[in-house]
């Protein structure tokens, strides 16, 4: 069984969760054992536990994003140690590009990245295809590791030995149980999603302005529940919006978008609410903008929907 270590920034936890689900068949078949820092028991010394697990790993997945590259711990500690072990042939490092970022010049830039062609997961038309591609490539590495171990076993070691324990009996691979999400977990996810949308808008506006000489933008955090954005071309306002949550208006139980910067949740042109399947929380739209309800949206997918509404008037 190969030991697999996730190295990731906590901003990207949603991607780690989704990828781990796509690795479920490898786990069910007893081919991998997965570890990440959310498995650390209370009272443990974090650095010590992480170092032990990293040094024991056969495969290290680097979930690469701007947040990963900006994380001193991920970049300078976990990645550096993983690449040392990769160079010594002690472990295999697999970069998984989850979001577009300047990763080609990183120390792992010469390694074969996943998904196919190093195309970031969030840029695929269907991200599930990207996760499945990563899972297939991880399986290929695991199978090669198993072949290498089999060849290294001497004939003497291959001779049967009496077993002290009986072999495991047959069992089903269908052991996953439905998760129940509390009101607290849903409220936290909603708040985290609103904060993510704020960061997404602020960064997108800055980049839009940087790329276009005739564009100026304004981003404003009105309070803890409302952000506003405006885009000007040649000094003339061409698009604006407000994004609100937790208000007494439409944003009471969700996140609402309005083309009026002063709306504060009293009017809306689209909204996001929290949904859940048997394993995870997600965002779902009301469908006012696209005239159809969107399916399961990640935090980035929800932010992208709102951004599309703001920028559409310029495009």
Protein backbone atom coordinates (compact mmCIF):
# COMPACT_ATOMS: atom_id res chain seq x y z
CA UNK A 1 0.00 0.00 0.00
CA UNK A 2 1.38 3.42 -1.00
CA UNK A 3 1.22 6.28 1.49
CA UNK A 4 -0.02 9.50 -0.11
CA UNK A 5 0.57 12.96 1.42
CA UNK A 6 -1.42 16.08 0.47
CA UNK A 7 0.55 19.33 0.54
CA UNK A 8 -1.88 22.23 0.09
CA UNK A 9 -2.85 25.71 1.25
CA UNK A 10 -5.96 25.77 3.43
CA UNK A 11 -7.59 28.17 0.94
CA UNK A 12 -7.66 25.15 -1.39
CA UNK A 13 -9.25 22.68 1.01
CA UNK A 14 -12.32 22.32 -1.20
CA UNK A 15 -10.10 21.03 -4.04
CA UNK A 16 -8.34 18.60 -1.71
CA UNK A 17 -11.69 17.23 -0.56
CA UNK A 18 -12.91 16.74 -4.11
CA UNK A 19 -9.70 15.07 -5.27
CA UNK A 20 -9.72 12.73 -2.27
CA UNK A 21 -13.18 11.56 -3.32
CA UNK A 22 -11.88 10.79 -6.80
CA UNK A 23 -9.13 8.69 -5.21
CA UNK A 24 -11.75 6.61 -3.37
CA UNK A 25 -11.36 3.55 -5.63
CA UNK A 26 -7.63 3.42 -4.93
CA UNK A 27 -8.38 3.55 -1.20
CA UNK A 28 -11.17 0.95 -1.46
CA UNK A 29 -8.83 -1.39 -3.32
CA UNK A 30 -6.23 -1.04 -0.60
CA UNK A 31 -3.69 0.56 -2.94
CA UNK A 32 -3.21 3.87 -1.10
CA UNK A 33 -3.47 5.35 2.35
CA UNK A 34 -4.16 9.10 2.31
CA UNK A 35 -2.92 11.63 4.85
CA UNK A 36 -3.33 15.40 5.23
CA UNK A 37 -3.06 17.79 8.15
CA UNK A 38 -6.77 17.60 9.00
CA UNK A 39 -6.01 14.09 10.29
CA UNK A 40 -3.79 15.44 13.08
CA UNK A 41 -5.14 14.48 16.48
CA UNK A 42 -5.83 17.12 19.10
CA UNK A 43 -2.85 17.77 21.35
CA UNK A 44 -0.25 16.72 18.77
CA UNK A 45 2.74 18.87 17.87
CA UNK A 46 1.79 19.96 14.33
CA UNK A 47 5.25 20.35 12.83
CA UNK A 48 6.49 17.06 14.24
CA UNK A 49 3.51 15.08 12.95
CA UNK A 50 3.69 16.65 9.51
CA UNK A 51 7.43 15.96 9.23
CA UNK A 52 6.93 12.31 10.17
CA UNK A 53 4.11 11.81 7.68
CA UNK A 54 5.97 13.63 4.90
CA UNK A 55 9.07 11.50 5.39
CA UNK A 56 6.96 8.33 5.36
CA UNK A 57 5.06 9.21 2.18
CA UNK A 58 5.56 7.30 -1.07
CA UNK A 59 3.68 9.93 -3.09
CA UNK A 60 3.37 13.65 -2.38
CA UNK A 61 0.62 15.59 -4.15
CA UNK A 62 1.35 19.32 -4.38
CA UNK A 63 -1.98 21.13 -4.86
CA UNK A 64 -0.62 24.13 -6.72
CA UNK A 65 -2.30 27.53 -6.71
CA UNK A 66 -1.37 31.13 -5.98
CA UNK A 67 -2.20 30.43 -2.33
CA UNK A 68 0.14 27.42 -2.31
CA UNK A 69 3.00 29.42 -3.85
CA UNK A 70 2.38 32.25 -1.37
CA UNK A 71 2.41 29.92 1.64
CA UNK A 72 5.82 29.95 3.29
CA UNK A 73 5.06 26.67 5.02
CA UNK A 74 3.90 24.85 1.88
CA UNK A 75 6.56 26.28 -0.41
CA UNK A 76 9.66 26.44 1.78
CA UNK A 77 9.05 23.49 4.07
CA UNK A 78 6.73 20.82 2.68
CA UNK A 79 7.57 21.28 -1.00
CA UNK A 80 11.31 21.63 -0.37
CA UNK A 81 11.43 18.41 1.67
CA UNK A 82 9.24 16.56 -0.84
CA UNK A 83 11.55 17.50 -3.72
CA UNK A 84 14.60 16.38 -1.71
CA UNK A 85 13.04 12.95 -1.28
CA UNK A 86 11.98 12.91 -4.94
CA UNK A 87 15.58 13.60 -6.04
CA UNK A 88 16.82 10.75 -3.81
CA UNK A 89 14.26 8.37 -5.29
CA UNK A 90 12.54 7.98 -1.92
CA UNK A 91 9.17 9.42 -3.02
CA UNK A 92 7.30 10.58 -6.10
CA UNK A 93 6.16 14.20 -6.26
CA UNK A 94 3.12 14.96 -8.43
CA UNK A 95 2.16 18.62 -8.97
CA UNK A 96 -1.63 19.01 -9.27
CA UNK A 97 -2.46 22.43 -10.74
CA UNK A 98 -5.76 23.44 -9.16
CA UNK A 99 -5.85 27.13 -10.14
CA UNK A 100 -4.03 29.18 -12.80
CA UNK A 101 -0.79 30.59 -11.40
CA UNK A 102 2.86 31.18 -12.32
CA UNK A 103 4.07 27.67 -11.46
CA UNK A 104 6.30 26.82 -14.43
CA UNK A 105 9.31 28.59 -12.91
CA UNK A 106 8.87 26.91 -9.51
CA UNK A 107 11.37 24.22 -8.40
CA UNK A 108 8.86 21.53 -9.41
CA UNK A 109 8.17 23.21 -12.77
CA UNK A 110 10.06 20.54 -14.75
CA UNK A 111 8.03 17.68 -13.31
CA UNK A 112 5.09 16.31 -15.27
CA UNK A 113 2.09 18.13 -13.82
CA UNK A 114 -1.50 16.99 -13.66
CA UNK A 115 -4.21 17.23 -14.93
CA UNK A 116 -3.32 16.67 -18.59
CA UNK A 117 -0.91 19.30 -19.98
CA UNK A 118 -0.81 21.02 -16.59
CA UNK A 119 -4.17 22.69 -17.31
CA UNK A 120 -5.58 24.01 -14.02
CA UNK A 121 -8.58 22.08 -12.71
CA UNK A 122 -10.73 25.22 -12.37
CA UNK A 123 -10.28 26.05 -16.07
CA UNK A 124 -11.76 22.78 -17.36
CA UNK A 125 -15.27 22.99 -18.76
CA UNK A 126 -16.11 20.03 -16.52
CA UNK A 127 -13.76 20.01 -13.48
CA UNK A 128 -14.85 16.45 -12.67
CA UNK A 129 -13.01 15.30 -15.80
CA UNK A 130 -9.89 17.02 -14.50
CA UNK A 131 -10.13 15.30 -11.11
CA UNK A 132 -10.66 11.94 -12.84
CA UNK A 133 -7.56 12.53 -14.97
CA UNK A 134 -5.50 13.25 -11.85
CA UNK A 135 -6.82 10.07 -10.23
CA UNK A 136 -5.83 8.01 -13.29
CA UNK A 137 -2.31 9.42 -13.23
CA UNK A 138 -1.99 8.77 -9.50
CA UNK A 139 -3.10 5.18 -10.13
CA UNK A 140 -0.41 4.81 -12.79
CA UNK A 141 2.27 5.96 -10.34
CA UNK A 142 0.95 3.62 -7.62
CA UNK A 143 1.01 0.66 -10.02
CA UNK A 144 4.62 1.41 -11.01
CA UNK A 145 5.60 1.62 -7.34
CA UNK A 146 3.99 -1.76 -6.69
CA UNK A 147 5.83 -3.30 -9.66
CA UNK A 148 9.13 -1.93 -8.37
CA UNK A 149 8.52 -3.38 -4.94
CA UNK A 150 7.62 -6.78 -6.40
CA UNK A 151 10.87 -6.90 -8.39
CA UNK A 152 12.94 -5.99 -5.34
CA UNK A 153 11.59 -8.94 -3.29
CA UNK A 154 14.13 -11.80 -3.15
CA UNK A 155 13.07 -15.42 -3.88
CA UNK A 156 13.67 -16.30 -0.23
CA UNK A 157 11.38 -13.52 0.86
CA UNK A 158 8.76 -14.75 -1.57
CA UNK A 159 8.54 -18.19 0.02
CA UNK A 160 5.31 -18.64 1.93
CA UNK A 161 5.41 -18.15 5.66
CA UNK A 162 2.84 -19.20 8.18
CA UNK A 163 0.48 -16.37 8.95
CA UNK A 164 -0.34 -15.45 12.51
CA UNK A 165 -3.64 -13.90 11.51
CA UNK A 166 -6.34 -15.25 9.20
CA UNK A 167 -6.70 -13.52 5.81
CA UNK A 168 -9.41 -10.88 5.67
CA UNK A 169 -12.74 -12.07 4.43
CA UNK A 170 -14.58 -10.61 1.48
CA UNK A 171 -16.16 -7.21 2.01
CA UNK A 172 -18.09 -4.61 0.10
CA UNK A 173 -16.42 -1.48 -1.28
CA UNK A 174 -19.71 0.32 -0.66
CA UNK A 175 -18.89 1.58 2.85
CA UNK A 176 -19.40 5.32 2.45
CA UNK A 177 -22.00 6.78 4.79
CA UNK A 178 -24.07 9.89 4.25
CA UNK A 179 -22.78 12.97 6.05
CA UNK A 180 -25.13 15.20 7.98
CA UNK A 181 -24.29 18.92 8.00
CA UNK A 182 -25.28 21.07 10.96
CA UNK A 183 -26.72 24.56 10.74
CA UNK A 184 -23.40 25.84 12.11
CA UNK A 185 -21.44 24.15 9.29
CA UNK A 186 -23.80 25.58 6.68
CA UNK A 187 -23.57 29.09 8.16
CA UNK A 188 -19.78 28.89 8.27
CA UNK A 189 -19.64 27.72 4.65
CA UNK A 190 -21.87 30.62 3.62
CA UNK A 191 -19.66 33.12 5.46
CA UNK A 192 -16.46 31.61 4.02
CA UNK A 193 -18.01 31.76 0.54
CA UNK A 194 -18.87 35.45 0.93
CA UNK A 195 -15.31 36.22 2.08
CA UNK A 196 -13.92 34.26 -0.86
CA UNK A 197 -16.10 36.20 -3.32
CA UNK A 198 -14.78 39.45 -1.81
CA UNK A 199 -11.15 38.38 -2.32
CA UNK A 200 -11.98 37.11 -5.81
CA UNK A 201 -13.57 40.42 -6.85
CA UNK A 202 -10.77 42.52 -5.38
CA UNK A 203 -8.08 40.52 -7.18
CA UNK A 204 -10.02 40.40 -10.46
CA UNK A 205 -10.61 44.16 -10.47
CA UNK A 206 -6.93 44.85 -9.84
CA UNK A 207 -5.90 42.56 -12.70
CA UNK A 208 -8.54 44.02 -15.05
CA UNK A 209 -7.18 47.51 -14.39
CA UNK A 210 -3.57 46.35 -14.82
CA UNK A 211 -4.30 44.86 -18.24
CA UNK A 212 -6.34 47.77 -19.64
CA UNK A 213 -5.05 51.35 -19.67
CA UNK A 214 -8.52 52.82 -20.18
CA UNK A 215 -10.05 50.95 -17.23
CA UNK A 216 -10.22 52.08 -13.61
CA UNK A 217 -11.94 50.15 -10.85
CA UNK A 218 -13.20 50.72 -7.32
CA UNK A 219 -13.62 47.98 -4.73
CA UNK A 220 -15.13 48.80 -1.35
CA UNK A 221 -15.94 46.74 1.73
CA UNK A 222 -18.95 48.60 3.07
CA UNK A 223 -19.12 46.41 6.20
CA UNK A 224 -18.78 42.76 7.16
CA UNK A 225 -21.81 41.83 5.06
CA UNK A 226 -21.53 43.95 1.92
CA UNK A 227 -18.98 44.68 -0.78
CA UNK A 228 -19.38 46.95 -3.79
CA UNK A 229 -17.50 47.12 -7.08
CA UNK A 230 -17.48 49.58 -9.96
CA UNK A 231 -15.72 49.63 -13.33
CA UNK A 232 -15.00 52.84 -15.26
CA UNK A 233 -13.90 53.17 -18.88
CA UNK A 234 -12.36 56.53 -19.83
CA UNK A 235 -13.72 57.87 -16.55
CA UNK A 236 -17.31 56.79 -17.23
CA UNK A 237 -18.93 54.18 -15.03
CA UNK A 238 -19.97 51.24 -17.19
CA UNK A 239 -20.79 48.60 -14.57
CA UNK A 240 -21.33 48.37 -10.83
CA UNK A 241 -22.71 45.94 -8.30
CA UNK A 242 -23.13 45.06 -4.66
CA UNK A 243 -22.76 41.63 -3.09
CA UNK A 244 -24.48 41.14 0.26
CA UNK A 245 -25.06 38.41 2.82
CA UNK A 246 -26.76 38.28 6.19
CA UNK A 247 -28.92 41.34 5.58
CA UNK A 248 -32.54 41.80 6.53
CA UNK A 249 -33.42 41.69 2.85
CA UNK A 250 -32.84 39.00 0.25
CA UNK A 251 -29.39 38.15 1.62
CA UNK A 252 -30.68 36.86 4.93
CA UNK A 253 -30.07 33.18 4.09
CA UNK A 254 -27.71 33.49 1.14
CA UNK A 255 -25.46 35.76 -0.91
CA UNK A 256 -27.16 38.18 -3.31
CA UNK A 257 -25.88 40.15 -6.27
CA UNK A 258 -27.45 43.42 -7.39
CA UNK A 259 -26.53 45.74 -10.25
CA UNK A 260 -27.20 48.60 -7.82
CA UNK A 261 -24.20 49.40 -5.62
CA UNK A 262 -26.49 50.89 -2.98
CA UNK A 263 -28.89 47.92 -2.86
CA UNK A 264 -27.53 46.40 0.41
CA UNK A 265 -29.60 43.27 -0.20
CA UNK A 266 -32.89 45.11 -0.75
CA UNK A 267 -32.89 44.26 -4.47
CA UNK A 268 -31.23 41.37 -6.29
CA UNK A 269 -30.46 40.11 -9.76
CA UNK A 270 -29.05 36.75 -8.68
CA UNK A 271 -28.48 34.84 -5.45
CA UNK A 272 -26.48 31.92 -4.10
CA UNK A 273 -27.61 29.58 -1.34
CA UNK A 274 -25.97 26.64 0.40
CA UNK A 275 -26.80 23.14 -0.78
CA UNK A 276 -25.53 19.72 0.25
CA UNK A 277 -25.25 16.23 -1.14
CA UNK A 278 -24.39 13.16 0.89
CA UNK A 279 -20.72 14.17 1.18
CA UNK A 280 -20.15 17.91 0.80
CA UNK A 281 -21.54 21.43 0.92
CA UNK A 282 -21.77 23.55 -2.22
CA UNK A 283 -23.36 26.71 -3.62
CA UNK A 284 -26.37 26.79 -5.92
CA UNK A 285 -27.77 29.74 -7.82
CA UNK A 286 -31.38 30.83 -8.10
CA UNK A 287 -30.98 31.06 -11.88
CA UNK A 288 -32.19 34.63 -12.44
CA UNK A 289 -29.15 35.62 -14.51
CA UNK A 290 -28.83 32.58 -16.75
CA UNK A 291 -32.56 31.71 -16.60
CA UNK A 292 -31.67 28.29 -15.30
CA UNK A 293 -30.60 27.02 -11.92
CA UNK A 294 -26.89 26.21 -11.79
CA UNK A 295 -25.88 22.86 -10.35
CA UNK A 296 -23.30 22.36 -7.66
CA UNK A 297 -20.96 25.36 -7.58
CA UNK A 298 -17.69 25.62 -5.70
CA UNK A 299 -16.84 28.89 -3.99
CA UNK A 300 -14.84 29.82 -7.08
CA UNK A 301 -17.75 28.84 -9.33
CA UNK A 302 -20.10 31.12 -7.39
CA UNK A 303 -17.60 33.99 -7.50
CA UNK A 304 -17.13 33.47 -11.24
CA UNK A 305 -20.89 33.63 -11.82
CA UNK A 306 -21.15 36.99 -10.05
CA UNK A 307 -18.04 38.30 -11.82
CA UNK A 308 -19.50 37.31 -15.19
CA UNK A 309 -22.56 39.42 -14.40
CA UNK A 310 -20.43 42.46 -13.52
CA UNK A 311 -18.08 42.29 -16.51
CA UNK A 312 -20.66 41.29 -19.12
CA UNK A 313 -21.52 44.92 -19.80
CA UNK A 314 -17.94 45.55 -20.90
CA UNK A 315 -17.69 42.50 -23.10
